[in-house]
Amino acid sequence: MIKINKILTSVGVMSILILTMFISIPQASAYTSNITVNENLTLGSTGENVIVLQGLMSEFGYLNVPINIPFGYYGTMTKDAVARYQAAQGVTPAVGYFGPITKIAMHKHFAAHNWLTLLGW
């Protein structure tokens, strides 16, 4: 267990996210889709950008998707997770819409941690 904890600590949260995406999403490429420049996402949105957003929200602890529920649909759980992320980042109103204000906040958040290059953004 100590070895695993040391590995997780040294690798970092975003590396784990990338590894998780490779394991759980067979079609994932070396880099994730840059959701900060793609279309806005809201209730009813589907596709790769939703999967990336859900993966990020899960990794940060804002989204807990039950095991048998597939990623890729922006439902109320994702909306609520994005709203919690928005509140944590100081985005107002924190209503769960992934639009321009949240994208700018996410880009700044990731840049501050040097995660943009890791994600290929």
PDB file of N, CA and C in Angstrom:
ATOM      1  N   MET A   1       0.827  -1.199   0.000  1.00  0.00           N
ATOM      2  CA  MET A   1       0.000   0.000   0.000  1.00  0.00           C
ATOM      3  C   MET A   1       0.868   1.259   0.000  1.00  0.00           C
ATOM      4  N   ILE A   2       1.986   1.224   0.694  1.00  0.00           N
ATOM      5  CA  ILE A   2       2.863   2.398   0.743  1.00  0.00           C
ATOM      6  C   ILE A   2       3.386   2.722  -0.651  1.00  0.00           C
ATOM      7  N   LYS A   3       3.760   1.694  -1.423  1.00  0.00           N
ATOM      8  CA  LYS A   3       4.250   1.924  -2.782  1.00  0.00           C
ATOM      9  C   LYS A   3       3.193   2.607  -3.635  1.00  0.00           C
ATOM     10  N   ILE A   4       1.957   2.151  -3.530  1.00  0.00           N
ATOM     11  CA  ILE A   4       0.871   2.736  -4.317  1.00  0.00           C
ATOM     12  C   ILE A   4       0.681   4.197  -3.935  1.00  0.00           C
ATOM     13  N   ASN A   5       0.673   4.496  -2.646  1.00  0.00           N
ATOM     14  CA  ASN A   5       0.510   5.883  -2.206  1.00  0.00           C
ATOM     15  C   ASN A   5       1.641   6.766  -2.711  1.00  0.00           C
ATOM     16  N   LYS A   6       2.875   6.258  -2.692  1.00  0.00           N
ATOM     17  CA  LYS A   6       4.011   7.038  -3.202  1.00  0.00           C
ATOM     18  C   LYS A   6       3.865   7.282  -4.698  1.00  0.00           C
ATOM     19  N   ILE A   7       3.420   6.265  -5.418  1.00  0.00           N
ATOM     20  CA  ILE A   7       3.225   6.416  -6.860  1.00  0.00           C
ATOM     21  C   ILE A   7       2.149   7.455  -7.131  1.00  0.00           C
ATOM     22  N   LEU A   8       1.015   7.342  -6.444  1.00  0.00           N
ATOM     23  CA  LEU A   8      -0.076   8.284  -6.658  1.00  0.00           C
ATOM     24  C   LEU A   8       0.341   9.702  -6.307  1.00  0.00           C
ATOM     25  N   THR A   9       1.100   9.863  -5.241  1.00  0.00           N
ATOM     26  CA  THR A   9       1.554  11.189  -4.837  1.00  0.00           C
ATOM     27  C   THR A   9       2.511  11.768  -5.867  1.00  0.00           C
ATOM     28  N   SER A  10       3.425  10.956  -6.376  1.00  0.00           N
ATOM     29  CA  SER A  10       4.416  11.477  -7.326  1.00  0.00           C
ATOM     30  C   SER A  10       3.843  11.689  -8.720  1.00  0.00           C
ATOM     31  N   VAL A  11       2.873  10.880  -9.094  1.00  0.00           N
ATOM     32  CA  VAL A  11       2.305  10.991 -10.442  1.00  0.00           C
ATOM     33  C   VAL A  11       1.402  12.206 -10.554  1.00  0.00           C
ATOM     34  N   GLY A  12       0.541  12.425  -9.595  1.00  0.00           N
ATOM     35  CA  GLY A  12      -0.343  13.582  -9.617  1.00  0.00           C
ATOM     36  C   GLY A  12      -1.719  13.262 -10.145  1.00  0.00           C
ATOM     37  N   VAL A  13      -2.642  14.126  -9.802  1.00  0.00           N
ATOM     38  CA  VAL A  13      -4.049  13.929 -10.112  1.00  0.00           C
ATOM     39  C   VAL A  13      -4.318  13.916 -11.614  1.00  0.00           C
ATOM     40  N   MET A  14      -3.709  14.780 -12.387  1.00  0.00           N
ATOM     41  CA  MET A  14      -4.013  14.819 -13.822  1.00  0.00           C
ATOM     42  C   MET A  14      -3.430  13.615 -14.547  1.00  0.00           C
ATOM     43  N   SER A  15      -2.294  13.118 -14.102  1.00  0.00           N
ATOM     44  CA  SER A  15      -1.750  11.904 -14.705  1.00  0.00           C
ATOM     45  C   SER A  15      -2.679  10.731 -14.470  1.00  0.00           C
ATOM     46  N   ILE A  16      -3.228  10.665 -13.262  1.00  0.00           N
ATOM     47  CA  ILE A  16      -4.183   9.607 -12.955  1.00  0.00           C
ATOM     48  C   ILE A  16      -5.411   9.736 -13.841  1.00  0.00           C
ATOM     49  N   LEU A  17      -5.866  10.959 -14.080  1.00  0.00           N
ATOM     50  CA  LEU A  17      -7.013  11.176 -14.959  1.00  0.00           C
ATOM     51  C   LEU A  17      -6.728  10.631 -16.351  1.00  0.00           C
ATOM     52  N   ILE A  18      -5.565  10.963 -16.897  1.00  0.00           N
ATOM     53  CA  ILE A  18      -5.203  10.486 -18.238  1.00  0.00           C
ATOM     54  C   ILE A  18      -5.145   8.963 -18.258  1.00  0.00           C
ATOM     55  N   LEU A  19      -4.513   8.364 -17.256  1.00  0.00           N
ATOM     56  CA  LEU A  19      -4.439   6.906 -17.189  1.00  0.00           C
ATOM     57  C   LEU A  19      -5.828   6.295 -17.077  1.00  0.00           C
ATOM     58  N   THR A  20      -6.685   6.888 -16.275  1.00  0.00           N
ATOM     59  CA  THR A  20      -8.049   6.404 -16.123  1.00  0.00           C
ATOM     60  C   THR A  20      -8.785   6.458 -17.446  1.00  0.00           C
ATOM     61  N   MET A  21      -8.588   7.529 -18.192  1.00  0.00           N
ATOM     62  CA  MET A  21      -9.273   7.651 -19.477  1.00  0.00           C
ATOM     63  C   MET A  21      -8.807   6.576 -20.444  1.00  0.00           C
ATOM     64  N   PHE A  22      -7.506   6.240 -20.437  1.00  0.00           N
ATOM     65  CA  PHE A  22      -7.009   5.188 -21.312  1.00  0.00           C
ATOM     66  C   PHE A  22      -7.589   3.839 -20.934  1.00  0.00           C
ATOM     67  N   ILE A  23      -7.733   3.607 -19.641  1.00  0.00           N
ATOM     68  CA  ILE A  23      -8.244   2.330 -19.178  1.00  0.00           C
ATOM     69  C   ILE A  23      -9.744   2.216 -19.429  1.00  0.00           C
ATOM     70  N   SER A  24     -10.501   3.283 -19.140  1.00  0.00           N
ATOM     71  CA  SER A  24     -11.953   3.191 -19.200  1.00  0.00           C
ATOM     72  C   SER A  24     -12.556   3.568 -20.545  1.00  0.00           C
ATOM     73  N   ILE A  25     -11.810   4.262 -21.387  1.00  0.00           N
ATOM     74  CA  ILE A  25     -12.345   4.679 -22.684  1.00  0.00           C
ATOM     75  C   ILE A  25     -11.387   4.191 -23.773  1.00  0.00           C
ATOM     76  N   PRO A  26     -11.664   3.020 -24.361  1.00  0.00           N
ATOM     77  CA  PRO A  26     -10.741   2.433 -25.323  1.00  0.00           C
ATOM     78  C   PRO A  26     -10.383   3.343 -26.490  1.00  0.00           C
ATOM     79  N   GLN A  27     -11.284   4.206 -26.935  1.00  0.00           N
ATOM     80  CA  GLN A  27     -11.012   5.045 -28.091  1.00  0.00           C
ATOM     81  C   GLN A  27     -10.273   6.335 -27.735  1.00  0.00           C
ATOM     82  N   ALA A  28      -9.920   6.516 -26.447  1.00  0.00           N
ATOM     83  CA  ALA A  28      -9.252   7.754 -26.034  1.00  0.00           C
ATOM     84  C   ALA A  28      -7.900   7.872 -26.717  1.00  0.00           C
ATOM     85  N   SER A  29      -7.579   9.062 -27.165  1.00  0.00           N
ATOM     86  CA  SER A  29      -6.300   9.309 -27.804  1.00  0.00           C
ATOM     87  C   SER A  29      -5.296   9.757 -26.753  1.00  0.00           C
ATOM     88  N   ALA A  30      -4.094  10.107 -27.191  1.00  0.00           N
ATOM     89  CA  ALA A  30      -3.042  10.526 -26.269  1.00  0.00           C
ATOM     90  C   ALA A  30      -3.431  11.793 -25.527  1.00  0.00           C
ATOM     91  N   TYR A  31      -4.239  12.623 -26.108  1.00  0.00           N
ATOM     92  CA  TYR A  31      -4.667  13.856 -25.462  1.00  0.00           C
ATOM     93  C   TYR A  31      -6.179  13.912 -25.426  1.00  0.00           C
ATOM     94  N   THR A  32      -6.683  14.621 -24.430  1.00  0.00           N
ATOM     95  CA  THR A  32      -8.122  14.758 -24.312  1.00  0.00           C
ATOM     96  C   THR A  32      -8.601  15.928 -25.158  1.00  0.00           C
ATOM     97  N   SER A  33      -9.862  15.888 -25.490  1.00  0.00           N
ATOM     98  CA  SER A  33     -10.485  16.973 -26.223  1.00  0.00           C
ATOM     99  C   SER A  33     -10.436  18.241 -25.380  1.00  0.00           C
ATOM    100  N   ASN A  34     -10.047  19.355 -25.977  1.00  0.00           N
ATOM    101  CA  ASN A  34      -9.964  20.618 -25.242  1.00  0.00           C
ATOM    102  C   ASN A  34     -11.356  21.202 -25.096  1.00  0.00           C
ATOM    103  N   ILE A  35     -11.981  20.868 -24.000  1.00  0.00           N
ATOM    104  CA  ILE A  35     -13.351  21.296 -23.765  1.00  0.00           C
ATOM    105  C   ILE A  35     -13.453  22.781 -23.471  1.00  0.00           C
ATOM    106  N   THR A  36     -12.322  23.453 -23.243  1.00  0.00           N
ATOM    107  CA  THR A  36     -12.386  24.892 -22.977  1.00  0.00           C
ATOM    108  C   THR A  36     -12.525  25.708 -24.258  1.00  0.00           C
ATOM    109  N   VAL A  37     -12.363  25.085 -25.420  1.00  0.00           N
ATOM    110  CA  VAL A  37     -12.539  25.812 -26.685  1.00  0.00           C
ATOM    111  C   VAL A  37     -13.642  25.201 -27.552  1.00  0.00           C
ATOM    112  N   ASN A  38     -14.168  24.062 -27.141  1.00  0.00           N
ATOM    113  CA  ASN A  38     -15.226  23.418 -27.913  1.00  0.00           C
ATOM    114  C   ASN A  38     -16.592  23.983 -27.530  1.00  0.00           C
ATOM    115  N   GLU A  39     -17.635  23.347 -28.007  1.00  0.00           N
ATOM    116  CA  GLU A  39     -18.994  23.858 -27.788  1.00  0.00           C
ATOM    117  C   GLU A  39     -19.343  23.905 -26.305  1.00  0.00           C
ATOM    118  N   ASN A  40     -20.296  24.751 -25.986  1.00  0.00           N
ATOM    119  CA  ASN A  40     -20.810  24.832 -24.629  1.00  0.00           C
ATOM    120  C   ASN A  40     -21.591  23.551 -24.342  1.00  0.00           C
ATOM    121  N   LEU A  41     -21.623  23.158 -23.069  1.00  0.00           N
ATOM    122  CA  LEU A  41     -22.299  21.923 -22.676  1.00  0.00           C
ATOM    123  C   LEU A  41     -23.345  22.223 -21.621  1.00  0.00           C
ATOM    124  N   THR A  42     -24.484  21.554 -21.752  1.00  0.00           N
ATOM    125  CA  THR A  42     -25.575  21.739 -20.804  1.00  0.00           C
ATOM    126  C   THR A  42     -26.443  20.487 -20.789  1.00  0.00           C
ATOM    127  N   LEU A  43     -27.500  20.500 -20.018  1.00  0.00           N
ATOM    128  CA  LEU A  43     -28.392  19.345 -19.946  1.00  0.00           C
ATOM    129  C   LEU A  43     -28.752  18.848 -21.344  1.00  0.00           C
ATOM    130  N   GLY A  44     -28.605  17.561 -21.543  1.00  0.00           N
ATOM    131  CA  GLY A  44     -28.933  16.947 -22.821  1.00  0.00           C
ATOM    132  C   GLY A  44     -27.765  16.810 -23.779  1.00  0.00           C
ATOM    133  N   SER A  45     -26.638  17.490 -23.506  1.00  0.00           N
ATOM    134  CA  SER A  45     -25.458  17.360 -24.370  1.00  0.00           C
ATOM    135  C   SER A  45     -24.921  15.934 -24.277  1.00  0.00           C
ATOM    136  N   THR A  46     -24.321  15.474 -25.375  1.00  0.00           N
ATOM    137  CA  THR A  46     -23.738  14.133 -25.410  1.00  0.00           C
ATOM    138  C   THR A  46     -22.405  14.177 -26.141  1.00  0.00           C
ATOM    139  N   GLY A  47     -21.643  13.095 -26.010  1.00  0.00           N
ATOM    140  CA  GLY A  47     -20.436  12.941 -26.800  1.00  0.00           C
ATOM    141  C   GLY A  47     -19.138  13.012 -26.032  1.00  0.00           C
ATOM    142  N   GLU A  48     -18.043  13.062 -26.807  1.00  0.00           N
ATOM    143  CA  GLU A  48     -16.687  13.027 -26.258  1.00  0.00           C
ATOM    144  C   GLU A  48     -16.407  14.178 -25.293  1.00  0.00           C
ATOM    145  N   ASN A  49     -16.866  15.372 -25.618  1.00  0.00           N
ATOM    146  CA  ASN A  49     -16.603  16.513 -24.736  1.00  0.00           C
ATOM    147  C   ASN A  49     -17.285  16.337 -23.384  1.00  0.00           C
ATOM    148  N   VAL A  50     -18.454  15.740 -23.379  1.00  0.00           N
ATOM    149  CA  VAL A  50     -19.150  15.450 -22.123  1.00  0.00           C
ATOM    150  C   VAL A  50     -18.355  14.403 -21.335  1.00  0.00           C
ATOM    151  N   ILE A  51     -17.841  13.403 -22.015  1.00  0.00           N
ATOM    152  CA  ILE A  51     -17.035  12.365 -21.358  1.00  0.00           C
ATOM    153  C   ILE A  51     -15.807  12.980 -20.702  1.00  0.00           C
ATOM    154  N   VAL A  52     -15.137  13.880 -21.414  1.00  0.00           N
ATOM    155  CA  VAL A  52     -13.949  14.541 -20.857  1.00  0.00           C
ATOM    156  C   VAL A  52     -14.338  15.368 -19.642  1.00  0.00           C
ATOM    157  N   LEU A  53     -15.392  16.156 -19.752  1.00  0.00           N
ATOM    158  CA  LEU A  53     -15.840  16.978 -18.631  1.00  0.00           C
ATOM    159  C   LEU A  53     -16.210  16.098 -17.435  1.00  0.00           C
ATOM    160  N   GLN A  54     -16.934  15.021 -17.679  1.00  0.00           N
ATOM    161  CA  GLN A  54     -17.315  14.127 -16.594  1.00  0.00           C
ATOM    162  C   GLN A  54     -16.094  13.476 -15.951  1.00  0.00           C
ATOM    163  N   GLY A  55     -15.107  13.128 -16.755  1.00  0.00           N
ATOM    164  CA  GLY A  55     -13.874  12.556 -16.211  1.00  0.00           C
ATOM    165  C   GLY A  55     -13.162  13.538 -15.301  1.00  0.00           C
ATOM    166  N   LEU A  56     -13.109  14.792 -15.727  1.00  0.00           N
ATOM    167  CA  LEU A  56     -12.474  15.821 -14.907  1.00  0.00           C
ATOM    168  C   LEU A  56     -13.258  16.066 -13.625  1.00  0.00           C
ATOM    169  N   MET A  57     -14.567  16.161 -13.734  1.00  0.00           N
ATOM    170  CA  MET A  57     -15.394  16.386 -12.549  1.00  0.00           C
ATOM    171  C   MET A  57     -15.292  15.202 -11.580  1.00  0.00           C
ATOM    172  N   SER A  58     -15.208  13.996 -12.117  1.00  0.00           N
ATOM    173  CA  SER A  58     -15.033  12.805 -11.273  1.00  0.00           C
ATOM    174  C   SER A  58     -13.681  12.832 -10.578  1.00  0.00           C
ATOM    175  N   GLU A  59     -12.657  13.162 -11.337  1.00  0.00           N
ATOM    176  CA  GLU A  59     -11.297  13.189 -10.785  1.00  0.00           C
ATOM    177  C   GLU A  59     -11.168  14.205  -9.656  1.00  0.00           C
ATOM    178  N   PHE A  60     -11.840  15.318  -9.769  1.00  0.00           N
ATOM    179  CA  PHE A  60     -11.766  16.357  -8.742  1.00  0.00           C
ATOM    180  C   PHE A  60     -12.742  16.115  -7.595  1.00  0.00           C
ATOM    181  N   GLY A  61     -13.556  15.067  -7.682  1.00  0.00           N
ATOM    182  CA  GLY A  61     -14.452  14.713  -6.593  1.00  0.00           C
ATOM    183  C   GLY A  61     -15.811  15.384  -6.636  1.00  0.00           C
ATOM    184  N   TYR A  62     -16.135  16.021  -7.736  1.00  0.00           N
ATOM    185  CA  TYR A  62     -17.434  16.688  -7.860  1.00  0.00           C
ATOM    186  C   TYR A  62     -18.521  15.781  -8.424  1.00  0.00           C
ATOM    187  N   LEU A  63     -18.124  14.694  -9.074  1.00  0.00           N
ATOM    188  CA  LEU A  63     -19.079  13.801  -9.729  1.00  0.00           C
ATOM    189  C   LEU A  63     -18.786  12.369  -9.324  1.00  0.00           C
ATOM    190  N   ASN A  64     -19.807  11.685  -8.863  1.00  0.00           N
ATOM    191  CA  ASN A  64     -19.685  10.284  -8.483  1.00  0.00           C
ATOM    192  C   ASN A  64     -20.724   9.505  -9.281  1.00  0.00           C
ATOM    193  N   VAL A  65     -20.299   8.970 -10.406  1.00  0.00           N
ATOM    194  CA  VAL A  65     -21.204   8.241 -11.295  1.00  0.00           C
ATOM    195  C   VAL A  65     -21.266   6.780 -10.860  1.00  0.00           C
ATOM    196  N   PRO A  66     -22.461   6.240 -10.644  1.00  0.00           N
ATOM    197  CA  PRO A  66     -22.582   4.823 -10.285  1.00  0.00           C
ATOM    198  C   PRO A  66     -21.932   3.928 -11.343  1.00  0.00           C
ATOM    199  N   ILE A  67     -21.471   2.783 -10.923  1.00  0.00           N
ATOM    200  CA  ILE A  67     -20.697   1.884 -11.781  1.00  0.00           C
ATOM    201  C   ILE A  67     -21.383   1.543 -13.100  1.00  0.00           C
ATOM    202  N   ASN A  68     -22.646   1.256 -13.105  1.00  0.00           N
ATOM    203  CA  ASN A  68     -23.334   0.820 -14.324  1.00  0.00           C
ATOM    204  C   ASN A  68     -23.853   1.954 -15.194  1.00  0.00           C
ATOM    205  N   ILE A  69     -23.534   3.192 -14.852  1.00  0.00           N
ATOM    206  CA  ILE A  69     -23.998   4.336 -15.632  1.00  0.00           C
ATOM    207  C   ILE A  69     -22.862   4.791 -16.549  1.00  0.00           C
ATOM    208  N   PRO A  70     -23.057   4.763 -17.863  1.00  0.00           N
ATOM    209  CA  PRO A  70     -21.982   5.182 -18.774  1.00  0.00           C
ATOM    210  C   PRO A  70     -21.809   6.699 -18.804  1.00  0.00           C
ATOM    211  N   PHE A  71     -20.594   7.120 -19.085  1.00  0.00           N
ATOM    212  CA  PHE A  71     -20.316   8.539 -19.289  1.00  0.00           C
ATOM    213  C   PHE A  71     -20.797   8.918 -20.692  1.00  0.00           C
ATOM    214  N   GLY A  72     -20.986  10.217 -20.907  1.00  0.00           N
ATOM    215  CA  GLY A  72     -21.319  10.690 -22.237  1.00  0.00           C
ATOM    216  C   GLY A  72     -22.633  11.422 -22.353  1.00  0.00           C
ATOM    217  N   TYR A  73     -23.426  11.432 -21.285  1.00  0.00           N
ATOM    218  CA  TYR A  73     -24.688  12.170 -21.292  1.00  0.00           C
ATOM    219  C   TYR A  73     -24.656  13.197 -20.170  1.00  0.00           C
ATOM    220  N   TYR A  74     -24.920  14.460 -20.501  1.00  0.00           N
ATOM    221  CA  TYR A  74     -24.910  15.558 -19.540  1.00  0.00           C
ATOM    222  C   TYR A  74     -26.285  15.638 -18.888  1.00  0.00           C
ATOM    223  N   GLY A  75     -26.415  14.910 -17.786  1.00  0.00           N
ATOM    224  CA  GLY A  75     -27.675  14.903 -17.051  1.00  0.00           C
ATOM    225  C   GLY A  75     -27.575  15.738 -15.787  1.00  0.00           C
ATOM    226  N   THR A  76     -28.516  15.528 -14.887  1.00  0.00           N
ATOM    227  CA  THR A  76     -28.566  16.338 -13.668  1.00  0.00           C
ATOM    228  C   THR A  76     -27.364  16.100 -12.754  1.00  0.00           C
ATOM    229  N   MET A  77     -26.823  14.876 -12.727  1.00  0.00           N
ATOM    230  CA  MET A  77     -25.635  14.633 -11.903  1.00  0.00           C
ATOM    231  C   MET A  77     -24.455  15.460 -12.407  1.00  0.00           C
ATOM    232  N   THR A  78     -24.281  15.520 -13.714  1.00  0.00           N
ATOM    233  CA  THR A  78     -23.189  16.304 -14.290  1.00  0.00           C
ATOM    234  C   THR A  78     -23.431  17.790 -14.059  1.00  0.00           C
ATOM    235  N   LYS A  79     -24.655  18.225 -14.257  1.00  0.00           N
ATOM    236  CA  LYS A  79     -25.000  19.630 -14.031  1.00  0.00           C
ATOM    237  C   LYS A  79     -24.683  20.043 -12.595  1.00  0.00           C
ATOM    238  N   ASP A  80     -25.075  19.213 -11.646  1.00  0.00           N
ATOM    239  CA  ASP A  80     -24.808  19.506 -10.236  1.00  0.00           C
ATOM    240  C   ASP A  80     -23.308  19.516  -9.939  1.00  0.00           C
ATOM    241  N   ALA A  81     -22.573  18.593 -10.556  1.00  0.00           N
ATOM    242  CA  ALA A  81     -21.122  18.536 -10.366  1.00  0.00           C
ATOM    243  C   ALA A  81     -20.458  19.798 -10.911  1.00  0.00           C
ATOM    244  N   VAL A  82     -20.871  20.227 -12.085  1.00  0.00           N
ATOM    245  CA  VAL A  82     -20.314  21.439 -12.684  1.00  0.00           C
ATOM    246  C   VAL A  82     -20.660  22.651 -11.811  1.00  0.00           C
ATOM    247  N   ALA A  83     -21.858  22.687 -11.268  1.00  0.00           N
ATOM    248  CA  ALA A  83     -22.245  23.791 -10.382  1.00  0.00           C
ATOM    249  C   ALA A  83     -21.337  23.835  -9.148  1.00  0.00           C
ATOM    250  N   ARG A  84     -21.015  22.663  -8.589  1.00  0.00           N
ATOM    251  CA  ARG A  84     -20.105  22.630  -7.428  1.00  0.00           C
ATOM    252  C   ARG A  84     -18.707  23.089  -7.825  1.00  0.00           C
ATOM    253  N   TYR A  85     -18.248  22.668  -9.000  1.00  0.00           N
ATOM    254  CA  TYR A  85     -16.942  23.115  -9.497  1.00  0.00           C
ATOM    255  C   TYR A  85     -16.956  24.632  -9.695  1.00  0.00           C
ATOM    256  N   GLN A  86     -18.014  25.145 -10.288  1.00  0.00           N
ATOM    257  CA  GLN A  86     -18.131  26.586 -10.505  1.00  0.00           C
ATOM    258  C   GLN A  86     -18.053  27.344  -9.180  1.00  0.00           C
ATOM    259  N   ALA A  87     -18.785  26.878  -8.190  1.00  0.00           N
ATOM    260  CA  ALA A  87     -18.773  27.532  -6.885  1.00  0.00           C
ATOM    261  C   ALA A  87     -17.361  27.529  -6.293  1.00  0.00           C
ATOM    262  N   ALA A  88     -16.661  26.416  -6.429  1.00  0.00           N
ATOM    263  CA  ALA A  88     -15.298  26.312  -5.900  1.00  0.00           C
ATOM    264  C   ALA A  88     -14.330  27.244  -6.626  1.00  0.00           C
ATOM    265  N   GLN A  89     -14.614  27.514  -7.906  1.00  0.00           N
ATOM    266  CA  GLN A  89     -13.737  28.378  -8.707  1.00  0.00           C
ATOM    267  C   GLN A  89     -14.188  29.835  -8.688  1.00  0.00           C
ATOM    268  N   GLY A  90     -15.260  30.135  -7.985  1.00  0.00           N
ATOM    269  CA  GLY A  90     -15.752  31.509  -7.906  1.00  0.00           C
ATOM    270  C   GLY A  90     -16.540  31.961  -9.118  1.00  0.00           C
ATOM    271  N   VAL A  91     -17.045  31.011  -9.892  1.00  0.00           N
ATOM    272  CA  VAL A  91     -17.865  31.337 -11.067  1.00  0.00           C
ATOM    273  C   VAL A  91     -19.296  31.594 -10.605  1.00  0.00           C
ATOM    274  N   THR A  92     -19.838  32.723 -11.029  1.00  0.00           N
ATOM    275  CA  THR A  92     -21.234  33.027 -10.700  1.00  0.00           C
ATOM    276  C   THR A  92     -21.994  33.389 -11.966  1.00  0.00           C
ATOM    277  N   PRO A  93     -23.217  32.979 -12.093  1.00  0.00           N
ATOM    278  CA  PRO A  93     -23.907  32.089 -11.159  1.00  0.00           C
ATOM    279  C   PRO A  93     -23.444  30.648 -11.347  1.00  0.00           C
ATOM    280  N   ALA A  94     -23.371  29.914 -10.260  1.00  0.00           N
ATOM    281  CA  ALA A  94     -22.952  28.509 -10.284  1.00  0.00           C
ATOM    282  C   ALA A  94     -24.180  27.642 -10.521  1.00  0.00           C
ATOM    283  N   VAL A  95     -24.581  27.542 -11.787  1.00  0.00           N
ATOM    284  CA  VAL A  95     -25.822  26.843 -12.129  1.00  0.00           C
ATOM    285  C   VAL A  95     -25.599  25.546 -12.915  1.00  0.00           C
ATOM    286  N   GLY A  96     -24.346  25.203 -13.230  1.00  0.00           N
ATOM    287  CA  GLY A  96     -24.066  23.946 -13.906  1.00  0.00           C
ATOM    288  C   GLY A  96     -24.013  23.998 -15.411  1.00  0.00           C
ATOM    289  N   TYR A  97     -24.047  25.197 -15.988  1.00  0.00           N
ATOM    290  CA  TYR A  97     -23.914  25.357 -17.442  1.00  0.00           C
ATOM    291  C   TYR A  97     -22.428  25.518 -17.758  1.00  0.00           C
ATOM    292  N   PHE A  98     -21.884  24.667 -18.626  1.00  0.00           N
ATOM    293  CA  PHE A  98     -20.472  24.736 -18.980  1.00  0.00           C
ATOM    294  C   PHE A  98     -20.319  25.619 -20.212  1.00  0.00           C
ATOM    295  N   GLY A  99     -20.216  26.910 -19.956  1.00  0.00           N
ATOM    296  CA  GLY A  99     -20.111  27.899 -21.015  1.00  0.00           C
ATOM    297  C   GLY A  99     -18.836  28.722 -20.881  1.00  0.00           C
ATOM    298  N   PRO A 100     -18.789  29.881 -21.544  1.00  0.00           N
ATOM    299  CA  PRO A 100     -17.564  30.689 -21.626  1.00  0.00           C
ATOM    300  C   PRO A 100     -16.941  31.060 -20.280  1.00  0.00           C
ATOM    301  N   ILE A 101     -17.733  31.448 -19.306  1.00  0.00           N
ATOM    302  CA  ILE A 101     -17.168  31.869 -18.015  1.00  0.00           C
ATOM    303  C   ILE A 101     -16.509  30.688 -17.309  1.00  0.00           C
ATOM    304  N   THR A 102     -17.162  29.541 -17.326  1.00  0.00           N
ATOM    305  CA  THR A 102     -16.606  28.351 -16.684  1.00  0.00           C
ATOM    306  C   THR A 102     -15.379  27.855 -17.451  1.00  0.00           C
ATOM    307  N   LYS A 103     -15.396  27.965 -18.761  1.00  0.00           N
ATOM    308  CA  LYS A 103     -14.246  27.541 -19.565  1.00  0.00           C
ATOM    309  C   LYS A 103     -13.018  28.390 -19.240  1.00  0.00           C
ATOM    310  N   ILE A 104     -13.203  29.687 -19.100  1.00  0.00           N
ATOM    311  CA  ILE A 104     -12.086  30.575 -18.744  1.00  0.00           C
ATOM    312  C   ILE A 104     -11.564  30.213 -17.356  1.00  0.00           C
ATOM    313  N   ALA A 105     -12.477  29.985 -16.411  1.00  0.00           N
ATOM    314  CA  ALA A 105     -12.074  29.616 -15.052  1.00  0.00           C
ATOM    315  C   ALA A 105     -11.317  28.294 -15.044  1.00  0.00           C
ATOM    316  N   MET A 106     -11.791  27.314 -15.821  1.00  0.00           N
ATOM    317  CA  MET A 106     -11.116  26.018 -15.877  1.00  0.00           C
ATOM    318  C   MET A 106      -9.733  26.163 -16.510  1.00  0.00           C
ATOM    319  N   HIS A 107      -9.647  26.939 -17.580  1.00  0.00           N
ATOM    320  CA  HIS A 107      -8.356  27.143 -18.228  1.00  0.00           C
ATOM    321  C   HIS A 107      -7.359  27.771 -17.251  1.00  0.00           C
ATOM    322  N   LYS A 108      -7.794  28.773 -16.501  1.00  0.00           N
ATOM    323  CA  LYS A 108      -6.912  29.418 -15.503  1.00  0.00           C
ATOM    324  C   LYS A 108      -6.527  28.438 -14.404  1.00  0.00           C
ATOM    325  N   HIS A 109      -7.488  27.663 -13.938  1.00  0.00           N
ATOM    326  CA  HIS A 109      -7.247  26.677 -12.891  1.00  0.00           C
ATOM    327  C   HIS A 109      -6.202  25.660 -13.350  1.00  0.00           C
ATOM    328  N   PHE A 110      -6.368  25.135 -14.552  1.00  0.00           N
ATOM    329  CA  PHE A 110      -5.449  24.126 -15.067  1.00  0.00           C
ATOM    330  C   PHE A 110      -4.082  24.722 -15.382  1.00  0.00           C
ATOM    331  N   ALA A 111      -4.060  25.936 -15.906  1.00  0.00           N
ATOM    332  CA  ALA A 111      -2.783  26.597 -16.211  1.00  0.00           C
ATOM    333  C   ALA A 111      -1.975  26.811 -14.935  1.00  0.00           C
ATOM    334  N   ALA A 112      -2.661  27.170 -13.858  1.00  0.00           N
ATOM    335  CA  ALA A 112      -1.981  27.414 -12.583  1.00  0.00           C
ATOM    336  C   ALA A 112      -1.298  26.158 -12.049  1.00  0.00           C
ATOM    337  N   HIS A 113      -1.783  24.990 -12.456  1.00  0.00           N
ATOM    338  CA  HIS A 113      -1.201  23.721 -12.005  1.00  0.00           C
ATOM    339  C   HIS A 113      -0.345  23.054 -13.096  1.00  0.00           C
ATOM    340  N   ASN A 114      -0.143  23.751 -14.217  1.00  0.00           N
ATOM    341  CA  ASN A 114       0.631  23.214 -15.346  1.00  0.00           C
ATOM    342  C   ASN A 114       0.021  21.927 -15.913  1.00  0.00           C
ATOM    343  N   TRP A 115      -1.306  21.851 -15.950  1.00  0.00           N
ATOM    344  CA  TRP A 115      -1.991  20.673 -16.465  1.00  0.00           C
ATOM    345  C   TRP A 115      -2.354  20.789 -17.937  1.00  0.00           C
ATOM    346  N   LEU A 116      -2.260  21.978 -18.529  1.00  0.00           N
ATOM    347  CA  LEU A 116      -2.692  22.156 -19.921  1.00  0.00           C
ATOM    348  C   LEU A 116      -1.862  21.309 -20.879  1.00  0.00           C
ATOM    349  N   THR A 117      -0.555  21.302 -20.701  1.00  0.00           N
ATOM    350  CA  THR A 117       0.305  20.521 -21.578  1.00  0.00           C
ATOM    351  C   THR A 117       0.036  19.040 -21.409  1.00  0.00           C
ATOM    352  N   LEU A 118      -0.148  18.601 -20.161  1.00  0.00           N
ATOM    353  CA  LEU A 118      -0.434  17.204 -19.900  1.00  0.00           C
ATOM    354  C   LEU A 118      -1.677  16.740 -20.652  1.00  0.00           C
ATOM    355  N   LEU A 119      -2.679  17.607 -20.718  1.00  0.00           N
ATOM    356  CA  LEU A 119      -3.917  17.281 -21.413  1.00  0.00           C
ATOM    357  C   LEU A 119      -3.827  17.525 -22.924  1.00  0.00           C
ATOM    358  N   GLY A 120      -2.774  18.160 -23.357  1.00  0.00           N
ATOM    359  CA  GLY A 120      -2.638  18.458 -24.787  1.00  0.00           C
ATOM    360  C   GLY A 120      -3.443  19.668 -25.206  1.00  0.00           C
ATOM    361  N   TRP A 121      -3.757  20.548 -24.254  1.00  0.00           N
ATOM    362  CA  TRP A 121      -4.558  21.723 -24.533  1.00  0.00           C
ATOM    363  C   TRP A 121      -3.628  22.884 -24.802  1.00  0.00           C
TER     364      TRP A 121
END
